[in-house]
């Protein structure tokens, strides 16, 4: 990126936070599954389901918000660049 996009700071920070919250939960769930720990814990790890699903939902929403903000900024950038190009030139039509 040639220019900073401060409009992406808040959605980017929210996405980072959501993924950081999700990461340890998914690691623990994957370890539990790969070691088959769930077979001997009498359902103790099932308590991970609620926070894992909530963290996944939050990460999904944060990803969508960041994607929407990025698309809006990309569109703004492209429209500004297009406004500087003369119709009929190769740059205008690419």
PDB file of N, CA and C in Angstrom:
ATOM      1  N   UNK A   1       0.830  -1.170   0.000  1.00  0.00           N
ATOM      2  CA  UNK A   1       0.000   0.000   0.000  1.00  0.00           C
ATOM      3  C   UNK A   1       0.883   1.243   0.000  1.00  0.00           C
ATOM      4  N   UNK A   2       0.595   2.124  -0.873  1.00  0.00           N
ATOM      5  CA  UNK A   2       1.374   3.345  -0.981  1.00  0.00           C
ATOM      6  C   UNK A   2       0.951   4.383   0.057  1.00  0.00           C
ATOM      7  N   UNK A   3      -0.273   4.320   0.483  1.00  0.00           N
ATOM      8  CA  UNK A   3      -0.779   5.329   1.420  1.00  0.00           C
ATOM      9  C   UNK A   3      -1.388   4.657   2.651  1.00  0.00           C
ATOM     10  N   UNK A   4      -1.294   5.299   3.809  1.00  0.00           N
ATOM     11  CA  UNK A   4      -1.937   4.721   4.994  1.00  0.00           C
ATOM     12  C   UNK A   4      -3.457   4.869   4.900  1.00  0.00           C
ATOM     13  N   UNK A   5      -4.153   3.930   5.441  1.00  0.00           N
ATOM     14  CA  UNK A   5      -5.606   3.971   5.471  1.00  0.00           C
ATOM     15  C   UNK A   5      -6.059   3.903   6.927  1.00  0.00           C
ATOM     16  N   UNK A   6      -6.143   5.059   7.596  1.00  0.00           N
ATOM     17  CA  UNK A   6      -6.527   5.040   9.007  1.00  0.00           C
ATOM     18  C   UNK A   6      -7.935   4.470   9.233  1.00  0.00           C
ATOM     19  N   UNK A   7      -8.744   4.467   8.195  1.00  0.00           N
ATOM     20  CA  UNK A   7     -10.102   3.929   8.313  1.00  0.00           C
ATOM     21  C   UNK A   7     -10.077   2.422   8.596  1.00  0.00           C
ATOM     22  N   UNK A   8      -8.937   1.785   8.336  1.00  0.00           N
ATOM     23  CA  UNK A   8      -8.824   0.348   8.570  1.00  0.00           C
ATOM     24  C   UNK A   8      -8.261   0.026   9.952  1.00  0.00           C
ATOM     25  N   UNK A   9      -7.801   1.047  10.664  1.00  0.00           N
ATOM     26  CA  UNK A   9      -7.187   0.806  11.970  1.00  0.00           C
ATOM     27  C   UNK A   9      -8.145   0.130  12.951  1.00  0.00           C
ATOM     28  N   UNK A  10      -9.308   0.701  13.139  1.00  0.00           N
ATOM     29  CA  UNK A  10     -10.255   0.138  14.113  1.00  0.00           C
ATOM     30  C   UNK A  10     -10.728  -1.261  13.708  1.00  0.00           C
ATOM     31  N   UNK A  11     -11.173  -1.471  12.452  1.00  0.00           N
ATOM     32  CA  UNK A  11     -11.577  -2.829  12.084  1.00  0.00           C
ATOM     33  C   UNK A  11     -10.408  -3.815  12.130  1.00  0.00           C
ATOM     34  N   UNK A  12      -9.210  -3.342  11.798  1.00  0.00           N
ATOM     35  CA  UNK A  12      -8.036  -4.215  11.851  1.00  0.00           C
ATOM     36  C   UNK A  12      -7.693  -4.619  13.276  1.00  0.00           C
ATOM     37  N   UNK A  13      -7.773  -3.671  14.189  1.00  0.00           N
ATOM     38  CA  UNK A  13      -7.502  -3.974  15.603  1.00  0.00           C
ATOM     39  C   UNK A  13      -8.567  -4.916  16.169  1.00  0.00           C
ATOM     40  N   UNK A  14      -9.817  -4.707  15.777  1.00  0.00           N
ATOM     41  CA  UNK A  14     -10.894  -5.584  16.244  1.00  0.00           C
ATOM     42  C   UNK A  14     -10.698  -7.006  15.712  1.00  0.00           C
ATOM     43  N   UNK A  15     -10.286  -7.124  14.451  1.00  0.00           N
ATOM     44  CA  UNK A  15     -10.029  -8.438  13.868  1.00  0.00           C
ATOM     45  C   UNK A  15      -8.868  -9.123  14.581  1.00  0.00           C
ATOM     46  N   UNK A  16      -7.809  -8.380  14.822  1.00  0.00           N
ATOM     47  CA  UNK A  16      -6.644  -8.938  15.517  1.00  0.00           C
ATOM     48  C   UNK A  16      -7.046  -9.435  16.909  1.00  0.00           C
ATOM     49  N   UNK A  17      -7.805  -8.647  17.629  1.00  0.00           N
ATOM     50  CA  UNK A  17      -8.247  -9.040  18.972  1.00  0.00           C
ATOM     51  C   UNK A  17      -9.135 -10.284  18.926  1.00  0.00           C
ATOM     52  N   UNK A  18     -10.030 -10.343  17.955  1.00  0.00           N
ATOM     53  CA  UNK A  18     -10.929 -11.495  17.836  1.00  0.00           C
ATOM     54  C   UNK A  18     -10.146 -12.766  17.523  1.00  0.00           C
ATOM     55  N   UNK A  19      -9.164 -12.652  16.640  1.00  0.00           N
ATOM     56  CA  UNK A  19      -8.356 -13.819  16.294  1.00  0.00           C
ATOM     57  C   UNK A  19      -7.450 -14.242  17.451  1.00  0.00           C
ATOM     58  N   UNK A  20      -6.958 -13.268  18.194  1.00  0.00           N
ATOM     59  CA  UNK A  20      -6.132 -13.595  19.360  1.00  0.00           C
ATOM     60  C   UNK A  20      -6.960 -14.291  20.445  1.00  0.00           C
ATOM     61  N   UNK A  21      -8.224 -13.942  20.573  1.00  0.00           N
ATOM     62  CA  UNK A  21      -9.105 -14.611  21.538  1.00  0.00           C
ATOM     63  C   UNK A  21      -9.471 -16.015  21.066  1.00  0.00           C
ATOM     64  N   UNK A  22      -9.632 -16.175  19.773  1.00  0.00           N
ATOM     65  CA  UNK A  22     -10.026 -17.459  19.187  1.00  0.00           C
ATOM     66  C   UNK A  22      -8.872 -18.458  19.173  1.00  0.00           C
ATOM     67  N   UNK A  23      -7.675 -17.978  18.925  1.00  0.00           N
ATOM     68  CA  UNK A  23      -6.521 -18.857  18.724  1.00  0.00           C
ATOM     69  C   UNK A  23      -6.278 -19.848  19.865  1.00  0.00           C
ATOM     70  N   UNK A  24      -6.193 -19.415  21.127  1.00  0.00           N
ATOM     71  CA  UNK A  24      -5.927 -20.409  22.171  1.00  0.00           C
ATOM     72  C   UNK A  24      -7.063 -21.420  22.347  1.00  0.00           C
ATOM     73  N   UNK A  25      -8.289 -20.988  22.087  1.00  0.00           N
ATOM     74  CA  UNK A  25      -9.420 -21.909  22.213  1.00  0.00           C
ATOM     75  C   UNK A  25      -9.378 -22.980  21.132  1.00  0.00           C
ATOM     76  N   UNK A  26      -9.075 -22.585  19.913  1.00  0.00           N
ATOM     77  CA  UNK A  26      -9.024 -23.569  18.827  1.00  0.00           C
ATOM     78  C   UNK A  26      -7.820 -24.497  19.012  1.00  0.00           C
ATOM     79  N   UNK A  27      -6.707 -23.958  19.523  1.00  0.00           N
ATOM     80  CA  UNK A  27      -5.549 -24.812  19.794  1.00  0.00           C
ATOM     81  C   UNK A  27      -5.898 -25.871  20.832  1.00  0.00           C
ATOM     82  N   UNK A  28      -6.558 -25.466  21.886  1.00  0.00           N
ATOM     83  CA  UNK A  28      -6.938 -26.412  22.933  1.00  0.00           C
ATOM     84  C   UNK A  28      -7.920 -27.454  22.405  1.00  0.00           C
ATOM     85  N   UNK A  29      -8.874 -27.024  21.598  1.00  0.00           N
ATOM     86  CA  UNK A  29      -9.849 -27.958  21.025  1.00  0.00           C
ATOM     87  C   UNK A  29      -9.172 -28.938  20.072  1.00  0.00           C
ATOM     88  N   UNK A  30      -8.222 -28.450  19.277  1.00  0.00           N
ATOM     89  CA  UNK A  30      -7.514 -29.334  18.339  1.00  0.00           C
ATOM     90  C   UNK A  30      -6.660 -30.347  19.094  1.00  0.00           C
ATOM     91  N   UNK A  31      -6.024 -29.905  20.159  1.00  0.00           N
ATOM     92  CA  UNK A  31      -5.216 -30.817  20.971  1.00  0.00           C
ATOM     93  C   UNK A  31      -6.102 -31.894  21.598  1.00  0.00           C
ATOM     94  N   UNK A  32      -7.221 -31.464  22.130  1.00  0.00           N
ATOM     95  CA  UNK A  32      -8.174 -32.392  22.737  1.00  0.00           C
ATOM     96  C   UNK A  32      -8.629 -33.436  21.716  1.00  0.00           C
ATOM     97  N   UNK A  33      -8.913 -32.985  20.510  1.00  0.00           N
ATOM     98  CA  UNK A  33      -9.393 -33.898  19.463  1.00  0.00           C
ATOM     99  C   UNK A  33      -8.271 -34.814  18.979  1.00  0.00           C
ATOM    100  N   UNK A  34      -7.095 -34.252  18.724  1.00  0.00           N
ATOM    101  CA  UNK A  34      -6.013 -35.061  18.152  1.00  0.00           C
ATOM    102  C   UNK A  34      -5.458 -36.092  19.134  1.00  0.00           C
ATOM    103  N   UNK A  35      -5.530 -35.794  20.436  1.00  0.00           N
ATOM    104  CA  UNK A  35      -5.053 -36.740  21.448  1.00  0.00           C
ATOM    105  C   UNK A  35      -6.176 -37.645  21.946  1.00  0.00           C
ATOM    106  N   UNK A  36      -7.371 -37.410  21.451  1.00  0.00           N
ATOM    107  CA  UNK A  36      -8.570 -38.146  21.872  1.00  0.00           C
ATOM    108  C   UNK A  36      -8.804 -38.020  23.375  1.00  0.00           C
ATOM    109  N   UNK A  37      -8.375 -36.888  23.920  1.00  0.00           N
ATOM    110  CA  UNK A  37      -8.537 -36.583  25.346  1.00  0.00           C
ATOM    111  C   UNK A  37     -10.004 -36.610  25.753  1.00  0.00           C
ATOM    112  N   UNK A  38     -10.867 -36.250  24.817  1.00  0.00           N
ATOM    113  CA  UNK A  38     -12.305 -36.196  25.097  1.00  0.00           C
ATOM    114  C   UNK A  38     -12.881 -37.567  25.458  1.00  0.00           C
ATOM    115  N   UNK A  39     -12.195 -38.649  25.079  1.00  0.00           N
ATOM    116  CA  UNK A  39     -12.706 -39.981  25.391  1.00  0.00           C
ATOM    117  C   UNK A  39     -12.583 -40.309  26.879  1.00  0.00           C
ATOM    118  N   UNK A  40     -11.601 -39.721  27.543  1.00  0.00           N
ATOM    119  CA  UNK A  40     -11.380 -40.047  28.937  1.00  0.00           C
ATOM    120  C   UNK A  40     -11.733 -38.957  29.920  1.00  0.00           C
ATOM    121  N   UNK A  41     -12.207 -37.823  29.443  1.00  0.00           N
ATOM    122  CA  UNK A  41     -12.454 -36.716  30.377  1.00  0.00           C
ATOM    123  C   UNK A  41     -13.924 -36.579  30.789  1.00  0.00           C
ATOM    124  N   UNK A  42     -14.740 -37.538  30.379  1.00  0.00           N
ATOM    125  CA  UNK A  42     -16.167 -37.564  30.743  1.00  0.00           C
ATOM    126  C   UNK A  42     -16.885 -36.268  30.376  1.00  0.00           C
ATOM    127  N   UNK A  43     -16.513 -35.700  29.239  1.00  0.00           N
ATOM    128  CA  UNK A  43     -17.188 -34.503  28.734  1.00  0.00           C
ATOM    129  C   UNK A  43     -16.704 -33.194  29.315  1.00  0.00           C
ATOM    130  N   UNK A  44     -15.624 -33.230  30.064  1.00  0.00           N
ATOM    131  CA  UNK A  44     -15.130 -31.996  30.688  1.00  0.00           C
ATOM    132  C   UNK A  44     -14.749 -30.944  29.653  1.00  0.00           C
ATOM    133  N   UNK A  45     -14.183 -31.378  28.538  1.00  0.00           N
ATOM    134  CA  UNK A  45     -13.766 -30.417  27.511  1.00  0.00           C
ATOM    135  C   UNK A  45     -14.950 -29.887  26.703  1.00  0.00           C
ATOM    136  N   UNK A  46     -16.115 -30.481  26.873  1.00  0.00           N
ATOM    137  CA  UNK A  46     -17.296 -29.984  26.159  1.00  0.00           C
ATOM    138  C   UNK A  46     -17.628 -28.558  26.574  1.00  0.00           C
ATOM    139  N   UNK A  47     -17.136 -28.146  27.751  1.00  0.00           N
ATOM    140  CA  UNK A  47     -17.381 -26.777  28.201  1.00  0.00           C
ATOM    141  C   UNK A  47     -16.678 -25.772  27.297  1.00  0.00           C
ATOM    142  N   UNK A  48     -15.754 -26.238  26.463  1.00  0.00           N
ATOM    143  CA  UNK A  48     -15.085 -25.358  25.501  1.00  0.00           C
ATOM    144  C   UNK A  48     -16.009 -24.948  24.365  1.00  0.00           C
ATOM    145  N   UNK A  49     -17.040 -25.735  24.124  1.00  0.00           N
ATOM    146  CA  UNK A  49     -17.896 -25.485  22.961  1.00  0.00           C
ATOM    147  C   UNK A  49     -18.485 -24.084  22.941  1.00  0.00           C
ATOM    148  N   UNK A  50     -19.041 -23.644  24.064  1.00  0.00           N
ATOM    149  CA  UNK A  50     -19.712 -22.337  24.107  1.00  0.00           C
ATOM    150  C   UNK A  50     -18.721 -21.196  23.848  1.00  0.00           C
ATOM    151  N   UNK A  51     -17.592 -21.125  24.569  1.00  0.00           N
ATOM    152  CA  UNK A  51     -16.662 -20.026  24.283  1.00  0.00           C
ATOM    153  C   UNK A  51     -16.023 -20.148  22.903  1.00  0.00           C
ATOM    154  N   UNK A  52     -15.809 -21.371  22.428  1.00  0.00           N
ATOM    155  CA  UNK A  52     -15.211 -21.556  21.103  1.00  0.00           C
ATOM    156  C   UNK A  52     -16.152 -21.051  20.015  1.00  0.00           C
ATOM    157  N   UNK A  53     -17.412 -21.400  20.113  1.00  0.00           N
ATOM    158  CA  UNK A  53     -18.395 -20.933  19.129  1.00  0.00           C
ATOM    159  C   UNK A  53     -18.562 -19.420  19.204  1.00  0.00           C
ATOM    160  N   UNK A  54     -18.576 -18.873  20.407  1.00  0.00           N
ATOM    161  CA  UNK A  54     -18.695 -17.419  20.561  1.00  0.00           C
ATOM    162  C   UNK A  54     -17.477 -16.705  19.973  1.00  0.00           C
ATOM    163  N   UNK A  55     -16.288 -17.253  20.214  1.00  0.00           N
ATOM    164  CA  UNK A  55     -15.064 -16.648  19.672  1.00  0.00           C
ATOM    165  C   UNK A  55     -15.038 -16.753  18.150  1.00  0.00           C
ATOM    166  N   UNK A  56     -15.502 -17.880  17.625  1.00  0.00           N
ATOM    167  CA  UNK A  56     -15.564 -18.049  16.173  1.00  0.00           C
ATOM    168  C   UNK A  56     -16.547 -17.062  15.558  1.00  0.00           C
ATOM    169  N   UNK A  57     -17.682 -16.874  16.198  1.00  0.00           N
ATOM    170  CA  UNK A  57     -18.677 -15.913  15.723  1.00  0.00           C
ATOM    171  C   UNK A  57     -18.108 -14.491  15.735  1.00  0.00           C
ATOM    172  N   UNK A  58     -17.413 -14.145  16.811  1.00  0.00           N
ATOM    173  CA  UNK A  58     -16.809 -12.809  16.906  1.00  0.00           C
ATOM    174  C   UNK A  58     -15.743 -12.622  15.828  1.00  0.00           C
ATOM    175  N   UNK A  59     -14.942 -13.650  15.590  1.00  0.00           N
ATOM    176  CA  UNK A  59     -13.906 -13.563  14.553  1.00  0.00           C
ATOM    177  C   UNK A  59     -14.542 -13.439  13.170  1.00  0.00           C
ATOM    178  N   UNK A  60     -15.633 -14.153  12.952  1.00  0.00           N
ATOM    179  CA  UNK A  60     -16.343 -14.067  11.680  1.00  0.00           C
ATOM    180  C   UNK A  60     -16.886 -12.661  11.440  1.00  0.00           C
ATOM    181  N   UNK A  61     -17.490 -12.077  12.468  1.00  0.00           N
ATOM    182  CA  UNK A  61     -18.035 -10.723  12.345  1.00  0.00           C
ATOM    183  C   UNK A  61     -16.920  -9.695  12.144  1.00  0.00           C
ATOM    184  N   UNK A  62     -15.816  -9.868  12.853  1.00  0.00           N
ATOM    185  CA  UNK A  62     -14.689  -8.944  12.712  1.00  0.00           C
ATOM    186  C   UNK A  62     -14.064  -9.061  11.321  1.00  0.00           C
ATOM    187  N   UNK A  63     -14.005 -10.282  10.792  1.00  0.00           N
ATOM    188  CA  UNK A  63     -13.479 -10.490   9.441  1.00  0.00           C
ATOM    189  C   UNK A  63     -14.367  -9.800   8.407  1.00  0.00           C
ATOM    190  N   UNK A  64     -15.668  -9.946   8.577  1.00  0.00           N
ATOM    191  CA  UNK A  64     -16.610  -9.311   7.652  1.00  0.00           C
ATOM    192  C   UNK A  64     -16.506  -7.789   7.729  1.00  0.00           C
ATOM    193  N   UNK A  65     -16.385  -7.252   8.938  1.00  0.00           N
ATOM    194  CA  UNK A  65     -16.278  -5.792   9.105  1.00  0.00           C
ATOM    195  C   UNK A  65     -14.982  -5.274   8.482  1.00  0.00           C
ATOM    196  N   UNK A  66     -13.888  -6.000   8.692  1.00  0.00           N
ATOM    197  CA  UNK A  66     -12.619  -5.576   8.096  1.00  0.00           C
ATOM    198  C   UNK A  66     -12.697  -5.660   6.572  1.00  0.00           C
ATOM    199  N   UNK A  67     -13.288  -6.718   6.057  1.00  0.00           N
ATOM    200  CA  UNK A  67     -13.444  -6.876   4.613  1.00  0.00           C
ATOM    201  C   UNK A  67     -14.273  -5.755   4.003  1.00  0.00           C
ATOM    202  N   UNK A  68     -15.336  -5.385   4.681  1.00  0.00           N
ATOM    203  CA  UNK A  68     -16.186  -4.292   4.188  1.00  0.00           C
ATOM    204  C   UNK A  68     -15.426  -2.967   4.202  1.00  0.00           C
ATOM    205  N   UNK A  69     -14.680  -2.714   5.279  1.00  0.00           N
ATOM    206  CA  UNK A  69     -13.894  -1.474   5.368  1.00  0.00           C
ATOM    207  C   UNK A  69     -12.804  -1.450   4.303  1.00  0.00           C
ATOM    208  N   UNK A  70     -12.158  -2.582   4.094  1.00  0.00           N
ATOM    209  CA  UNK A  70     -11.109  -2.662   3.074  1.00  0.00           C
ATOM    210  C   UNK A  70     -11.691  -2.449   1.675  1.00  0.00           C
ATOM    211  N   UNK A  71     -12.828  -3.062   1.402  1.00  0.00           N
ATOM    212  CA  UNK A  71     -13.479  -2.880   0.099  1.00  0.00           C
ATOM    213  C   UNK A  71     -13.867  -1.431  -0.133  1.00  0.00           C
ATOM    214  N   UNK A  72     -14.395  -0.777   0.899  1.00  0.00           N
ATOM    215  CA  UNK A  72     -14.791   0.628   0.774  1.00  0.00           C
ATOM    216  C   UNK A  72     -13.578   1.507   0.481  1.00  0.00           C
ATOM    217  N   UNK A  73     -12.471   1.241   1.168  1.00  0.00           N
ATOM    218  CA  UNK A  73     -11.266   2.045   0.942  1.00  0.00           C
ATOM    219  C   UNK A  73     -10.648   1.767  -0.431  1.00  0.00           C
ATOM    220  N   UNK A  74     -10.685   0.527  -0.851  1.00  0.00           N
ATOM    221  CA  UNK A  74     -10.171   0.175  -2.172  1.00  0.00           C
ATOM    222  C   UNK A  74     -11.001   0.856  -3.261  1.00  0.00           C
ATOM    223  N   UNK A  75     -12.313   0.847  -3.082  1.00  0.00           N
ATOM    224  CA  UNK A  75     -13.199   1.504  -4.044  1.00  0.00           C
ATOM    225  C   UNK A  75     -12.916   3.007  -4.092  1.00  0.00           C
ATOM    226  N   UNK A  76     -12.771   3.629  -2.925  1.00  0.00           N
ATOM    227  CA  UNK A  76     -12.454   5.059  -2.878  1.00  0.00           C
ATOM    228  C   UNK A  76     -11.145   5.354  -3.603  1.00  0.00           C
ATOM    229  N   UNK A  77     -10.130   4.540  -3.349  1.00  0.00           N
ATOM    230  CA  UNK A  77      -8.832   4.720  -3.996  1.00  0.00           C
ATOM    231  C   UNK A  77      -8.945   4.567  -5.506  1.00  0.00           C
ATOM    232  N   UNK A  78      -9.643   3.516  -5.944  1.00  0.00           N
ATOM    233  CA  UNK A  78      -9.778   3.257  -7.379  1.00  0.00           C
ATOM    234  C   UNK A  78     -10.587   4.341  -8.083  1.00  0.00           C
ATOM    235  N   UNK A  79     -11.639   4.820  -7.429  1.00  0.00           N
ATOM    236  CA  UNK A  79     -12.438   5.894  -8.031  1.00  0.00           C
ATOM    237  C   UNK A  79     -11.625   7.183  -8.144  1.00  0.00           C
ATOM    238  N   UNK A  80     -10.807   7.464  -7.139  1.00  0.00           N
ATOM    239  CA  UNK A  80      -9.958   8.662  -7.178  1.00  0.00           C
ATOM    240  C   UNK A  80      -8.936   8.550  -8.304  1.00  0.00           C
ATOM    241  N   UNK A  81      -8.361   7.371  -8.460  1.00  0.00           N
ATOM    242  CA  UNK A  81      -7.391   7.169  -9.543  1.00  0.00           C
ATOM    243  C   UNK A  81      -8.066   7.258 -10.903  1.00  0.00           C
ATOM    244  N   UNK A  82      -9.238   6.676 -11.026  1.00  0.00           N
ATOM    245  CA  UNK A  82      -9.973   6.714 -12.292  1.00  0.00           C
ATOM    246  C   UNK A  82     -10.336   8.148 -12.672  1.00  0.00           C
ATOM    247  N   UNK A  83     -10.647   8.970 -11.687  1.00  0.00           N
ATOM    248  CA  UNK A  83     -11.014  10.362 -11.951  1.00  0.00           C
ATOM    249  C   UNK A  83      -9.846  11.150 -12.543  1.00  0.00           C
ATOM    250  N   UNK A  84      -8.622  10.689 -12.335  1.00  0.00           N
ATOM    251  CA  UNK A  84      -7.454  11.398 -12.872  1.00  0.00           C
ATOM    252  C   UNK A  84      -7.089  10.956 -14.282  1.00  0.00           C
ATOM    253  N   UNK A  85      -7.707   9.882 -14.757  1.00  0.00           N
ATOM    254  CA  UNK A  85      -7.355   9.343 -16.071  1.00  0.00           C
ATOM    255  C   UNK A  85      -8.266   9.889 -17.162  1.00  0.00           C
ATOM    256  N   UNK A  86      -7.682  10.074 -18.306  1.00  0.00           N
ATOM    257  CA  UNK A  86      -8.426  10.596 -19.459  1.00  0.00           C
ATOM    258  C   UNK A  86      -9.139   9.437 -20.164  1.00  0.00           C
ATOM    259  N   UNK A  87     -10.459   9.567 -20.404  1.00  0.00           N
ATOM    260  CA  UNK A  87     -11.184   8.520 -21.131  1.00  0.00           C
ATOM    261  C   UNK A  87     -10.530   8.265 -22.492  1.00  0.00           C
ATOM    262  N   UNK A  88     -10.500   6.997 -22.864  1.00  0.00           N
ATOM    263  CA  UNK A  88      -9.917   6.620 -24.142  1.00  0.00           C
ATOM    264  C   UNK A  88      -8.453   6.231 -24.055  1.00  0.00           C
ATOM    265  N   UNK A  89      -7.823   6.469 -22.903  1.00  0.00           N
ATOM    266  CA  UNK A  89      -6.419   6.080 -22.748  1.00  0.00           C
ATOM    267  C   UNK A  89      -6.350   4.633 -22.232  1.00  0.00           C
ATOM    268  N   UNK A  90      -5.229   3.962 -22.474  1.00  0.00           N
ATOM    269  CA  UNK A  90      -5.103   2.564 -22.002  1.00  0.00           C
ATOM    270  C   UNK A  90      -5.289   2.441 -20.476  1.00  0.00           C
ATOM    271  N   UNK A  91      -4.769   3.390 -19.702  1.00  0.00           N
ATOM    272  CA  UNK A  91      -4.914   3.342 -18.258  1.00  0.00           C
ATOM    273  C   UNK A  91      -6.353   3.412 -17.821  1.00  0.00           C
ATOM    274  N   UNK A  92      -7.163   4.153 -18.541  1.00  0.00           N
ATOM    275  CA  UNK A  92      -8.570   4.311 -18.222  1.00  0.00           C
ATOM    276  C   UNK A  92      -9.331   2.987 -18.378  1.00  0.00           C
ATOM    277  N   UNK A  93      -8.927   2.203 -19.353  1.00  0.00           N
ATOM    278  CA  UNK A  93      -9.660   0.989 -19.689  1.00  0.00           C
ATOM    279  C   UNK A  93      -9.091  -0.275 -19.072  1.00  0.00           C
ATOM    280  N   UNK A  94      -8.074  -0.171 -18.230  1.00  0.00           N
ATOM    281  CA  UNK A  94      -7.550  -1.420 -17.648  1.00  0.00           C
ATOM    282  C   UNK A  94      -8.291  -1.822 -16.431  1.00  0.00           C
TER     283      UNK A  94
END
